[in-house]
Amino acid sequence: MKKSYRMSSEQRSFEELMAYHCAPTLKGVKIANMFHVSRSSFPNALELMEIYNEKLKEKGLAFRILQADQPRITFYLYSYKKLQRVLSQPDIQSFLRLFGYSTHSVSACLDHLEKRMKNSYYPHEIGIFLGYPYEDVLGFIQDKPCCGIGAWKVYDPSKWERTKRLFLLFDRFRDQFVQAVEKGFLIEQLI
């Protein structure tokens, strides 16, 4: 892999945040990740999103900025095809309709999620958009006792060991990406 050191400090900071927060999605084992930044820290957020959408599109990944008019903006990285598969499931569609979603397209769902995030940084259904299991999203909403916590809260004890291994995989990918970016590798070289 060829290293590259020529990028703006804003782009370097963005790559560091992507490495830390989005490694599971970049490696293809998670549907989506997000991270929040101060608008003042990333004055060129729209330009960054365009740059990385171009770099990541051949991998089926896309960035979207949520809360674009807020002082704290949210970068949402997702696999379009994986998110589309989840959003096409009948139980997920019924669930999202309870919150006013029009489930005819990924774009329509993300538009509505952004509206919902204006009222609450974390509407309960956001877990669906991050690839959390439907049962765990429901468990959280219903305030059931959880059996374990990692990237999300797990509510089914029979799934805890398997999910815990997945959380460890997420951590391993994060560590690998962070170390590589610190050494000067570019995100697109790591996926």
N, C-alpha and C. Protein backbone atom coordinates (compact mmCIF):
# COMPACT_ATOMS: atom_id res chain seq x y z
N MET A 1 0.84 -1.18 0.00
CA MET A 1 0.00 0.00 0.00
C MET A 1 0.88 1.24 0.00
N LYS A 2 0.56 2.17 -0.83
CA LYS A 2 1.31 3.41 -0.90
C LYS A 2 0.72 4.41 0.09
N LYS A 3 1.59 5.03 0.86
CA LYS A 3 1.14 6.04 1.81
C LYS A 3 1.04 7.39 1.11
N SER A 4 0.18 8.24 1.65
CA SER A 4 0.06 9.59 1.12
C SER A 4 -0.04 10.55 2.29
N TYR A 5 0.74 11.60 2.24
CA TYR A 5 0.74 12.57 3.33
C TYR A 5 0.20 13.92 2.89
N ARG A 6 -0.25 14.06 1.65
CA ARG A 6 -0.71 15.35 1.14
C ARG A 6 -2.21 15.47 1.25
N MET A 7 -2.66 16.11 2.30
CA MET A 7 -4.07 16.42 2.45
C MET A 7 -4.18 17.54 3.46
N SER A 8 -5.31 18.21 3.43
CA SER A 8 -5.52 19.32 4.38
C SER A 8 -5.66 18.76 5.79
N SER A 9 -5.44 19.61 6.77
CA SER A 9 -5.60 19.18 8.16
C SER A 9 -7.05 18.80 8.43
N GLU A 10 -8.00 19.48 7.78
CA GLU A 10 -9.41 19.13 7.94
C GLU A 10 -9.69 17.73 7.38
N GLN A 11 -9.12 17.43 6.22
CA GLN A 11 -9.32 16.10 5.64
C GLN A 11 -8.62 15.04 6.48
N ARG A 12 -7.45 15.34 7.02
CA ARG A 12 -6.74 14.38 7.89
C ARG A 12 -7.59 14.10 9.13
N SER A 13 -8.16 15.14 9.74
CA SER A 13 -9.03 14.95 10.92
C SER A 13 -10.25 14.12 10.57
N PHE A 14 -10.80 14.36 9.39
CA PHE A 14 -11.96 13.61 8.93
C PHE A 14 -11.61 12.13 8.76
N GLU A 15 -10.45 11.84 8.18
CA GLU A 15 -10.01 10.45 8.01
C GLU A 15 -9.82 9.78 9.38
N GLU A 16 -9.28 10.51 10.33
CA GLU A 16 -9.11 9.95 11.68
C GLU A 16 -10.47 9.61 12.30
N LEU A 17 -11.45 10.49 12.13
CA LEU A 17 -12.79 10.23 12.66
C LEU A 17 -13.44 9.04 11.95
N MET A 18 -13.26 8.97 10.63
CA MET A 18 -13.80 7.83 9.89
C MET A 18 -13.17 6.53 10.37
N ALA A 19 -11.87 6.53 10.56
CA ALA A 19 -11.18 5.33 11.01
C ALA A 19 -11.72 4.88 12.36
N TYR A 20 -11.93 5.81 13.25
CA TYR A 20 -12.37 5.47 14.60
C TYR A 20 -13.85 5.06 14.63
N HIS A 21 -14.70 5.81 13.95
CA HIS A 21 -16.14 5.61 14.08
C HIS A 21 -16.77 4.72 13.00
N CYS A 22 -16.12 4.56 11.86
CA CYS A 22 -16.78 3.90 10.73
C CYS A 22 -16.09 2.64 10.23
N ALA A 23 -15.08 2.17 10.91
CA ALA A 23 -14.33 0.99 10.43
C ALA A 23 -15.23 -0.21 10.13
N PRO A 24 -16.20 -0.56 11.00
CA PRO A 24 -17.03 -1.74 10.67
C PRO A 24 -17.80 -1.60 9.35
N THR A 25 -18.27 -0.40 9.06
CA THR A 25 -18.98 -0.18 7.79
C THR A 25 -17.99 -0.18 6.63
N LEU A 26 -16.84 0.44 6.82
CA LEU A 26 -15.83 0.46 5.77
C LEU A 26 -15.34 -0.96 5.43
N LYS A 27 -15.34 -1.85 6.42
CA LYS A 27 -14.93 -3.25 6.20
C LYS A 27 -16.09 -4.12 5.71
N GLY A 28 -17.29 -3.58 5.67
CA GLY A 28 -18.43 -4.31 5.13
C GLY A 28 -19.13 -5.24 6.10
N VAL A 29 -18.88 -5.10 7.40
CA VAL A 29 -19.53 -5.98 8.38
C VAL A 29 -20.66 -5.28 9.14
N LYS A 30 -20.90 -4.03 8.84
CA LYS A 30 -21.98 -3.29 9.49
C LYS A 30 -22.66 -2.43 8.43
N ILE A 31 -23.94 -2.22 8.59
CA ILE A 31 -24.71 -1.47 7.60
C ILE A 31 -24.32 0.00 7.58
N ALA A 32 -24.12 0.58 8.76
CA ALA A 32 -23.86 2.01 8.82
C ALA A 32 -23.20 2.39 10.13
N ASN A 33 -22.54 3.53 10.11
CA ASN A 33 -22.00 4.18 11.30
C ASN A 33 -22.22 5.67 11.14
N MET A 34 -22.16 6.36 12.26
CA MET A 34 -22.26 7.81 12.21
C MET A 34 -21.35 8.41 13.25
N PHE A 35 -21.03 9.67 13.02
CA PHE A 35 -20.29 10.43 14.04
C PHE A 35 -20.70 11.88 13.94
N HIS A 36 -20.56 12.57 15.06
CA HIS A 36 -20.98 13.96 15.18
C HIS A 36 -19.76 14.85 15.30
N VAL A 37 -19.83 16.01 14.67
CA VAL A 37 -18.74 16.97 14.73
C VAL A 37 -19.31 18.38 14.87
N SER A 38 -18.50 19.24 15.41
CA SER A 38 -18.86 20.65 15.46
C SER A 38 -18.72 21.23 14.06
N ARG A 39 -19.71 21.99 13.66
CA ARG A 39 -19.65 22.62 12.34
C ARG A 39 -18.40 23.48 12.22
N SER A 40 -18.02 24.14 13.30
CA SER A 40 -16.84 25.01 13.24
C SER A 40 -15.55 24.22 13.02
N SER A 41 -15.53 22.95 13.42
CA SER A 41 -14.34 22.11 13.19
C SER A 41 -14.23 21.65 11.74
N PHE A 42 -15.37 21.63 11.04
CA PHE A 42 -15.40 21.17 9.65
C PHE A 42 -16.19 22.15 8.79
N PRO A 43 -15.61 23.32 8.54
CA PRO A 43 -16.34 24.32 7.74
C PRO A 43 -16.60 23.87 6.30
N ASN A 44 -15.83 22.90 5.83
CA ASN A 44 -15.99 22.39 4.47
C ASN A 44 -16.66 21.02 4.45
N ALA A 45 -17.62 20.82 5.34
CA ALA A 45 -18.25 19.51 5.51
C ALA A 45 -18.88 19.01 4.21
N LEU A 46 -19.58 19.86 3.50
CA LEU A 46 -20.22 19.43 2.25
C LEU A 46 -19.19 19.01 1.21
N GLU A 47 -18.11 19.74 1.13
CA GLU A 47 -17.04 19.40 0.19
C GLU A 47 -16.40 18.07 0.58
N LEU A 48 -16.17 17.86 1.87
CA LEU A 48 -15.61 16.59 2.33
C LEU A 48 -16.53 15.43 1.98
N MET A 49 -17.82 15.63 2.19
CA MET A 49 -18.78 14.57 1.87
C MET A 49 -18.72 14.22 0.39
N GLU A 50 -18.64 15.22 -0.46
CA GLU A 50 -18.56 14.98 -1.90
C GLU A 50 -17.28 14.22 -2.27
N ILE A 51 -16.16 14.61 -1.67
CA ILE A 51 -14.88 13.94 -1.94
C ILE A 51 -14.97 12.47 -1.57
N TYR A 52 -15.48 12.20 -0.37
CA TYR A 52 -15.52 10.81 0.10
C TYR A 52 -16.63 10.00 -0.56
N ASN A 53 -17.69 10.63 -0.95
CA ASN A 53 -18.70 9.89 -1.72
C ASN A 53 -18.11 9.41 -3.03
N GLU A 54 -17.30 10.25 -3.65
CA GLU A 54 -16.64 9.84 -4.90
C GLU A 54 -15.65 8.71 -4.65
N LYS A 55 -14.89 8.80 -3.56
CA LYS A 55 -13.88 7.78 -3.26
C LYS A 55 -14.50 6.44 -2.86
N LEU A 56 -15.65 6.47 -2.21
CA LEU A 56 -16.23 5.26 -1.64
C LEU A 56 -17.36 4.64 -2.48
N LYS A 57 -17.80 5.33 -3.53
CA LYS A 57 -18.97 4.84 -4.26
C LYS A 57 -18.74 3.49 -4.91
N GLU A 58 -17.53 3.21 -5.37
CA GLU A 58 -17.29 1.89 -6.00
C GLU A 58 -17.38 0.75 -4.99
N LYS A 59 -17.31 1.07 -3.71
CA LYS A 59 -17.48 0.06 -2.65
C LYS A 59 -18.93 -0.03 -2.19
N GLY A 60 -19.82 0.75 -2.83
CA GLY A 60 -21.24 0.72 -2.46
C GLY A 60 -21.54 1.50 -1.19
N LEU A 61 -20.64 2.39 -0.81
CA LEU A 61 -20.81 3.20 0.40
C LEU A 61 -21.12 4.64 0.04
N ALA A 62 -21.87 5.29 0.91
CA ALA A 62 -22.22 6.69 0.70
C ALA A 62 -22.26 7.42 2.03
N PHE A 63 -21.87 8.69 1.98
CA PHE A 63 -22.00 9.57 3.12
C PHE A 63 -23.21 10.46 2.94
N ARG A 64 -23.79 10.80 4.04
CA ARG A 64 -24.86 11.79 4.05
C ARG A 64 -24.68 12.62 5.31
N ILE A 65 -24.90 13.89 5.17
CA ILE A 65 -24.86 14.76 6.35
C ILE A 65 -26.27 14.88 6.88
N LEU A 66 -26.42 14.58 8.15
CA LEU A 66 -27.69 14.76 8.86
C LEU A 66 -27.51 15.96 9.80
N GLN A 67 -28.59 16.61 10.11
CA GLN A 67 -28.57 17.78 10.98
C GLN A 67 -27.69 18.88 10.35
N ALA A 68 -27.84 19.05 9.05
CA ALA A 68 -26.98 19.96 8.29
C ALA A 68 -27.08 21.41 8.74
N ASP A 69 -28.21 21.80 9.33
CA ASP A 69 -28.37 23.19 9.73
C ASP A 69 -28.14 23.40 11.23
N GLN A 70 -27.52 22.43 11.88
CA GLN A 70 -27.27 22.50 13.32
C GLN A 70 -25.81 22.86 13.59
N PRO A 71 -25.50 23.37 14.78
CA PRO A 71 -24.09 23.62 15.12
C PRO A 71 -23.29 22.31 15.20
N ARG A 72 -23.96 21.22 15.56
CA ARG A 72 -23.34 19.90 15.59
C ARG A 72 -23.95 19.11 14.45
N ILE A 73 -23.13 18.75 13.47
CA ILE A 73 -23.64 18.00 12.32
C ILE A 73 -23.27 16.52 12.48
N THR A 74 -23.98 15.69 11.76
CA THR A 74 -23.78 14.25 11.84
C THR A 74 -23.40 13.73 10.46
N PHE A 75 -22.27 13.04 10.40
CA PHE A 75 -21.89 12.33 9.18
C PHE A 75 -22.39 10.90 9.32
N TYR A 76 -23.12 10.45 8.34
CA TYR A 76 -23.72 9.11 8.33
C TYR A 76 -23.15 8.37 7.14
N LEU A 77 -22.38 7.31 7.39
CA LEU A 77 -21.82 6.48 6.33
C LEU A 77 -22.61 5.19 6.28
N TYR A 78 -23.06 4.80 5.09
CA TYR A 78 -23.90 3.61 4.99
C TYR A 78 -23.65 2.86 3.69
N SER A 79 -23.98 1.57 3.74
CA SER A 79 -23.98 0.73 2.56
C SER A 79 -25.39 0.80 1.98
N TYR A 80 -25.51 1.36 0.80
CA TYR A 80 -26.83 1.57 0.21
C TYR A 80 -27.59 0.26 0.07
N LYS A 81 -26.94 -0.76 -0.50
CA LYS A 81 -27.64 -2.03 -0.75
C LYS A 81 -28.05 -2.71 0.54
N LYS A 82 -27.18 -2.70 1.54
CA LYS A 82 -27.52 -3.35 2.82
C LYS A 82 -28.65 -2.60 3.52
N LEU A 83 -28.59 -1.29 3.50
CA LEU A 83 -29.66 -0.50 4.12
C LEU A 83 -30.97 -0.72 3.37
N GLN A 84 -30.90 -0.76 2.06
CA GLN A 84 -32.10 -1.00 1.26
C GLN A 84 -32.73 -2.35 1.60
N ARG A 85 -31.90 -3.38 1.79
CA ARG A 85 -32.42 -4.71 2.16
C ARG A 85 -33.14 -4.66 3.51
N VAL A 86 -32.53 -4.00 4.47
CA VAL A 86 -33.16 -3.90 5.80
C VAL A 86 -34.47 -3.14 5.71
N LEU A 87 -34.46 -2.01 5.01
CA LEU A 87 -35.66 -1.17 4.93
C LEU A 87 -36.77 -1.81 4.09
N SER A 88 -36.46 -2.84 3.34
CA SER A 88 -37.50 -3.51 2.55
C SER A 88 -38.18 -4.65 3.32
N GLN A 89 -37.70 -4.96 4.52
CA GLN A 89 -38.32 -6.02 5.32
C GLN A 89 -39.68 -5.55 5.85
N PRO A 90 -40.71 -6.36 5.69
CA PRO A 90 -42.06 -5.94 6.10
C PRO A 90 -42.18 -5.51 7.56
N ASP A 91 -41.52 -6.22 8.49
CA ASP A 91 -41.63 -5.83 9.90
C ASP A 91 -40.94 -4.49 10.16
N ILE A 92 -39.84 -4.23 9.46
CA ILE A 92 -39.14 -2.95 9.60
C ILE A 92 -39.99 -1.83 9.00
N GLN A 93 -40.59 -2.09 7.85
CA GLN A 93 -41.44 -1.07 7.23
C GLN A 93 -42.62 -0.72 8.12
N SER A 94 -43.27 -1.72 8.69
CA SER A 94 -44.40 -1.47 9.60
C SER A 94 -43.94 -0.66 10.81
N PHE A 95 -42.81 -1.04 11.35
CA PHE A 95 -42.26 -0.33 12.50
C PHE A 95 -41.97 1.13 12.16
N LEU A 96 -41.30 1.38 11.05
CA LEU A 96 -40.94 2.75 10.69
C LEU A 96 -42.16 3.60 10.36
N ARG A 97 -43.19 2.99 9.81
CA ARG A 97 -44.42 3.75 9.53
C ARG A 97 -45.05 4.30 10.81
N LEU A 98 -44.83 3.60 11.93
CA LEU A 98 -45.33 4.11 13.22
C LEU A 98 -44.74 5.47 13.56
N PHE A 99 -43.56 5.76 13.01
CA PHE A 99 -42.88 7.02 13.27
C PHE A 99 -43.00 7.99 12.08
N GLY A 100 -43.91 7.68 11.15
CA GLY A 100 -44.18 8.59 10.05
C GLY A 100 -43.32 8.42 8.82
N TYR A 101 -42.57 7.35 8.74
CA TYR A 101 -41.70 7.13 7.58
C TYR A 101 -42.49 6.66 6.37
N SER A 102 -42.11 7.20 5.22
CA SER A 102 -42.56 6.69 3.94
C SER A 102 -41.44 5.74 3.50
N THR A 103 -41.74 4.48 3.43
CA THR A 103 -40.68 3.48 3.24
C THR A 103 -40.47 3.09 1.78
N HIS A 104 -40.87 3.93 0.85
CA HIS A 104 -40.73 3.58 -0.57
C HIS A 104 -39.31 3.69 -1.10
N SER A 105 -38.43 4.39 -0.37
CA SER A 105 -37.04 4.50 -0.83
C SER A 105 -36.11 4.80 0.34
N VAL A 106 -34.85 4.45 0.15
CA VAL A 106 -33.83 4.74 1.16
C VAL A 106 -33.75 6.25 1.37
N SER A 107 -33.77 6.99 0.29
CA SER A 107 -33.66 8.45 0.38
C SER A 107 -34.81 9.05 1.18
N ALA A 108 -36.03 8.58 0.94
CA ALA A 108 -37.19 9.08 1.69
C ALA A 108 -37.05 8.76 3.17
N CYS A 109 -36.57 7.58 3.47
CA CYS A 109 -36.37 7.21 4.88
C CYS A 109 -35.31 8.09 5.53
N LEU A 110 -34.21 8.33 4.84
CA LEU A 110 -33.15 9.17 5.41
C LEU A 110 -33.60 10.62 5.54
N ASP A 111 -34.41 11.08 4.61
CA ASP A 111 -34.96 12.44 4.73
C ASP A 111 -35.81 12.55 6.00
N HIS A 112 -36.62 11.53 6.25
CA HIS A 112 -37.48 11.56 7.44
C HIS A 112 -36.66 11.40 8.71
N LEU A 113 -35.64 10.56 8.66
CA LEU A 113 -34.75 10.42 9.82
C LEU A 113 -34.13 11.76 10.17
N GLU A 114 -33.71 12.49 9.16
CA GLU A 114 -33.12 13.81 9.42
C GLU A 114 -34.13 14.74 10.10
N LYS A 115 -35.36 14.71 9.64
CA LYS A 115 -36.41 15.53 10.28
C LYS A 115 -36.60 15.11 11.73
N ARG A 116 -36.61 13.80 11.97
CA ARG A 116 -36.79 13.29 13.33
C ARG A 116 -35.61 13.69 14.22
N MET A 117 -34.43 13.77 13.64
CA MET A 117 -33.26 14.13 14.42
C MET A 117 -33.25 15.60 14.81
N LYS A 118 -34.06 16.41 14.14
CA LYS A 118 -34.18 17.82 14.54
C LYS A 118 -34.87 17.94 15.89
N ASN A 119 -35.77 17.01 16.18
CA ASN A 119 -36.50 17.04 17.46
C ASN A 119 -35.75 16.28 18.55
N SER A 120 -34.95 15.33 18.16
CA SER A 120 -34.21 14.51 19.11
C SER A 120 -32.95 14.05 18.41
N TYR A 121 -31.80 14.22 19.06
CA TYR A 121 -30.56 13.77 18.43
C TYR A 121 -30.61 12.28 18.10
N TYR A 122 -31.26 11.51 18.96
CA TYR A 122 -31.31 10.06 18.77
C TYR A 122 -32.73 9.55 18.87
N PRO A 123 -33.53 9.68 17.80
CA PRO A 123 -34.85 9.07 17.85
C PRO A 123 -34.69 7.56 18.00
N HIS A 124 -35.61 6.92 18.69
CA HIS A 124 -35.47 5.51 19.02
C HIS A 124 -35.20 4.61 17.82
N GLU A 125 -35.78 4.92 16.70
CA GLU A 125 -35.64 4.05 15.53
C GLU A 125 -34.29 4.18 14.84
N ILE A 126 -33.44 5.06 15.31
CA ILE A 126 -32.14 5.26 14.66
C ILE A 126 -31.32 3.97 14.60
N GLY A 127 -31.55 3.08 15.56
CA GLY A 127 -30.84 1.81 15.56
C GLY A 127 -31.06 1.00 14.28
N ILE A 128 -32.23 1.10 13.71
CA ILE A 128 -32.51 0.40 12.45
C ILE A 128 -31.55 0.90 11.37
N PHE A 129 -31.33 2.21 11.33
CA PHE A 129 -30.48 2.82 10.32
C PHE A 129 -29.00 2.56 10.56
N LEU A 130 -28.67 2.09 11.76
CA LEU A 130 -27.29 1.74 12.09
C LEU A 130 -27.04 0.23 12.02
N GLY A 131 -28.09 -0.51 11.64
CA GLY A 131 -27.94 -1.94 11.48
C GLY A 131 -28.10 -2.75 12.75
N TYR A 132 -28.66 -2.16 13.78
CA TYR A 132 -28.92 -2.92 15.01
C TYR A 132 -30.06 -3.89 14.74
N PRO A 133 -30.03 -5.05 15.35
CA PRO A 133 -31.13 -5.99 15.16
C PRO A 133 -32.47 -5.39 15.63
N TYR A 134 -33.50 -5.66 14.86
CA TYR A 134 -34.83 -5.13 15.15
C TYR A 134 -35.26 -5.45 16.58
N GLU A 135 -34.98 -6.70 17.03
CA GLU A 135 -35.38 -7.11 18.38
C GLU A 135 -34.69 -6.26 19.44
N ASP A 136 -33.44 -5.86 19.18
CA ASP A 136 -32.72 -5.03 20.14
C ASP A 136 -33.23 -3.59 20.14
N VAL A 137 -33.62 -3.10 18.98
CA VAL A 137 -34.22 -1.76 18.91
C VAL A 137 -35.53 -1.76 19.71
N LEU A 138 -36.34 -2.80 19.52
CA LEU A 138 -37.60 -2.90 20.28
C LEU A 138 -37.32 -3.04 21.77
N GLY A 139 -36.34 -3.85 22.14
CA GLY A 139 -35.99 -4.02 23.55
C GLY A 139 -35.60 -2.70 24.20
N PHE A 140 -34.87 -1.88 23.46
CA PHE A 140 -34.48 -0.56 23.98
C PHE A 140 -35.70 0.33 24.16
N ILE A 141 -36.56 0.37 23.16
CA ILE A 141 -37.75 1.21 23.22
C ILE A 141 -38.67 0.78 24.36
N GLN A 142 -38.79 -0.53 24.55
CA GLN A 142 -39.68 -1.07 25.59
C GLN A 142 -39.02 -1.11 26.96
N ASP A 143 -37.78 -0.61 27.04
CA ASP A 143 -37.03 -0.53 28.30
C ASP A 143 -36.92 -1.89 29.00
N LYS A 144 -36.68 -2.92 28.21
CA LYS A 144 -36.48 -4.26 28.75
C LYS A 144 -35.08 -4.34 29.37
N PRO A 145 -34.87 -5.27 30.27
CA PRO A 145 -33.52 -5.45 30.80
C PRO A 145 -32.61 -6.04 29.72
N CYS A 146 -31.43 -5.46 29.57
CA CYS A 146 -30.52 -5.96 28.55
C CYS A 146 -29.57 -6.98 29.18
N CYS A 147 -29.00 -7.82 28.34
CA CYS A 147 -28.08 -8.85 28.83
C CYS A 147 -26.63 -8.51 28.50
N GLY A 148 -26.42 -7.46 27.70
CA GLY A 148 -25.07 -7.05 27.36
C GLY A 148 -25.05 -5.76 26.57
N ILE A 149 -23.92 -5.07 26.66
CA ILE A 149 -23.77 -3.79 25.97
C ILE A 149 -22.45 -3.78 25.21
N GLY A 150 -22.53 -3.33 23.98
CA GLY A 150 -21.35 -3.13 23.13
C GLY A 150 -21.65 -1.95 22.25
N ALA A 151 -21.65 -2.16 20.95
CA ALA A 151 -22.02 -1.10 20.01
C ALA A 151 -23.49 -0.71 20.19
N TRP A 152 -24.27 -1.63 20.73
CA TRP A 152 -25.67 -1.38 21.09
C TRP A 152 -26.01 -2.29 22.26
N LYS A 153 -27.19 -2.14 22.81
CA LYS A 153 -27.65 -3.00 23.89
C LYS A 153 -28.29 -4.24 23.29
N VAL A 154 -27.96 -5.39 23.86
CA VAL A 154 -28.47 -6.67 23.39
C VAL A 154 -29.48 -7.18 24.42
N TYR A 155 -30.62 -7.67 23.94
CA TYR A 155 -31.71 -8.05 24.84
C TYR A 155 -32.01 -9.53 24.87
N ASP A 156 -31.51 -10.29 23.92
CA ASP A 156 -31.77 -11.73 23.87
C ASP A 156 -30.53 -12.47 24.37
N PRO A 157 -30.60 -13.09 25.57
CA PRO A 157 -29.43 -13.77 26.12
C PRO A 157 -28.87 -14.85 25.19
N SER A 158 -29.72 -15.47 24.39
CA SER A 158 -29.23 -16.51 23.48
C SER A 158 -28.37 -15.94 22.35
N LYS A 159 -28.43 -14.63 22.13
CA LYS A 159 -27.65 -14.00 21.07
C LYS A 159 -26.44 -13.22 21.61
N TRP A 160 -26.29 -13.17 22.93
CA TRP A 160 -25.25 -12.33 23.51
C TRP A 160 -23.85 -12.78 23.12
N GLU A 161 -23.52 -14.06 23.23
CA GLU A 161 -22.16 -14.53 22.93
C GLU A 161 -21.78 -14.24 21.48
N ARG A 162 -22.68 -14.51 20.56
CA ARG A 162 -22.41 -14.25 19.15
C ARG A 162 -22.24 -12.75 18.89
N THR A 163 -23.10 -11.95 19.50
CA THR A 163 -23.03 -10.51 19.31
C THR A 163 -21.77 -9.94 19.96
N LYS A 164 -21.38 -10.48 21.09
CA LYS A 164 -20.17 -10.03 21.76
C LYS A 164 -18.95 -10.25 20.86
N ARG A 165 -18.91 -11.38 20.16
CA ARG A 165 -17.81 -11.62 19.21
C ARG A 165 -17.83 -10.60 18.07
N LEU A 166 -19.02 -10.23 17.63
CA LEU A 166 -19.16 -9.20 16.60
C LEU A 166 -18.63 -7.86 17.11
N PHE A 167 -18.95 -7.51 18.35
CA PHE A 167 -18.45 -6.26 18.93
C PHE A 167 -16.92 -6.26 18.99
N LEU A 168 -16.33 -7.41 19.32
CA LEU A 168 -14.86 -7.52 19.35
C LEU A 168 -14.28 -7.34 17.96
N LEU A 169 -14.97 -7.86 16.95
CA LEU A 169 -14.54 -7.67 15.57
C LEU A 169 -14.58 -6.19 15.20
N PHE A 170 -15.66 -5.51 15.59
CA PHE A 170 -15.76 -4.06 15.35
C PHE A 170 -14.56 -3.34 15.96
N ASP A 171 -14.23 -3.69 17.20
CA ASP A 171 -13.10 -3.06 17.89
C ASP A 171 -11.78 -3.34 17.17
N ARG A 172 -11.60 -4.56 16.71
CA ARG A 172 -10.37 -4.92 16.00
C ARG A 172 -10.24 -4.11 14.71
N PHE A 173 -11.33 -3.99 13.96
CA PHE A 173 -11.28 -3.20 12.73
C PHE A 173 -10.98 -1.73 13.05
N ARG A 174 -11.61 -1.20 14.08
CA ARG A 174 -11.36 0.20 14.47
C ARG A 174 -9.88 0.39 14.78
N ASP A 175 -9.32 -0.49 15.59
CA ASP A 175 -7.91 -0.36 15.95
C ASP A 175 -7.00 -0.44 14.73
N GLN A 176 -7.30 -1.37 13.81
CA GLN A 176 -6.50 -1.50 12.59
C GLN A 176 -6.56 -0.22 11.75
N PHE A 177 -7.76 0.31 11.58
CA PHE A 177 -7.92 1.52 10.77
C PHE A 177 -7.23 2.71 11.42
N VAL A 178 -7.41 2.88 12.72
CA VAL A 178 -6.80 4.01 13.42
C VAL A 178 -5.27 3.94 13.29
N GLN A 179 -4.70 2.79 13.52
CA GLN A 179 -3.24 2.65 13.41
C GLN A 179 -2.75 2.93 12.00
N ALA A 180 -3.47 2.43 11.01
CA ALA A 180 -3.06 2.65 9.62
C ALA A 180 -3.15 4.12 9.24
N VAL A 181 -4.21 4.79 9.64
CA VAL A 181 -4.35 6.22 9.33
C VAL A 181 -3.27 7.02 10.04
N GLU A 182 -2.96 6.65 11.26
CA GLU A 182 -1.87 7.33 11.98
C GLU A 182 -0.54 7.17 11.26
N LYS A 183 -0.37 6.07 10.53
CA LYS A 183 0.86 5.83 9.77
C LYS A 183 0.85 6.53 8.41
N GLY A 184 -0.29 7.15 8.07
CA GLY A 184 -0.36 7.91 6.82
C GLY A 184 -1.13 7.27 5.70
N PHE A 185 -1.71 6.10 5.93
CA PHE A 185 -2.51 5.48 4.88
C PHE A 185 -3.84 6.22 4.73
N LEU A 186 -4.37 6.19 3.53
CA LEU A 186 -5.65 6.80 3.24
C LEU A 186 -6.76 5.78 3.43
N ILE A 187 -7.93 6.25 3.82
CA ILE A 187 -9.06 5.35 4.04
C ILE A 187 -9.32 4.47 2.83
N GLU A 188 -9.30 5.05 1.64
CA GLU A 188 -9.62 4.25 0.45
C GLU A 188 -8.57 3.17 0.19
N GLN A 189 -7.38 3.30 0.75
CA GLN A 189 -6.37 2.27 0.61
C GLN A 189 -6.62 1.10 1.56
N LEU A 190 -7.47 1.31 2.57
CA LEU A 190 -7.69 0.31 3.61
C LEU A 190 -8.90 -0.56 3.38
N ILE A 191 -9.73 -0.20 2.39
CA ILE A 191 -10.95 -0.98 2.16
C ILE A 191 -10.89 -1.75 0.86
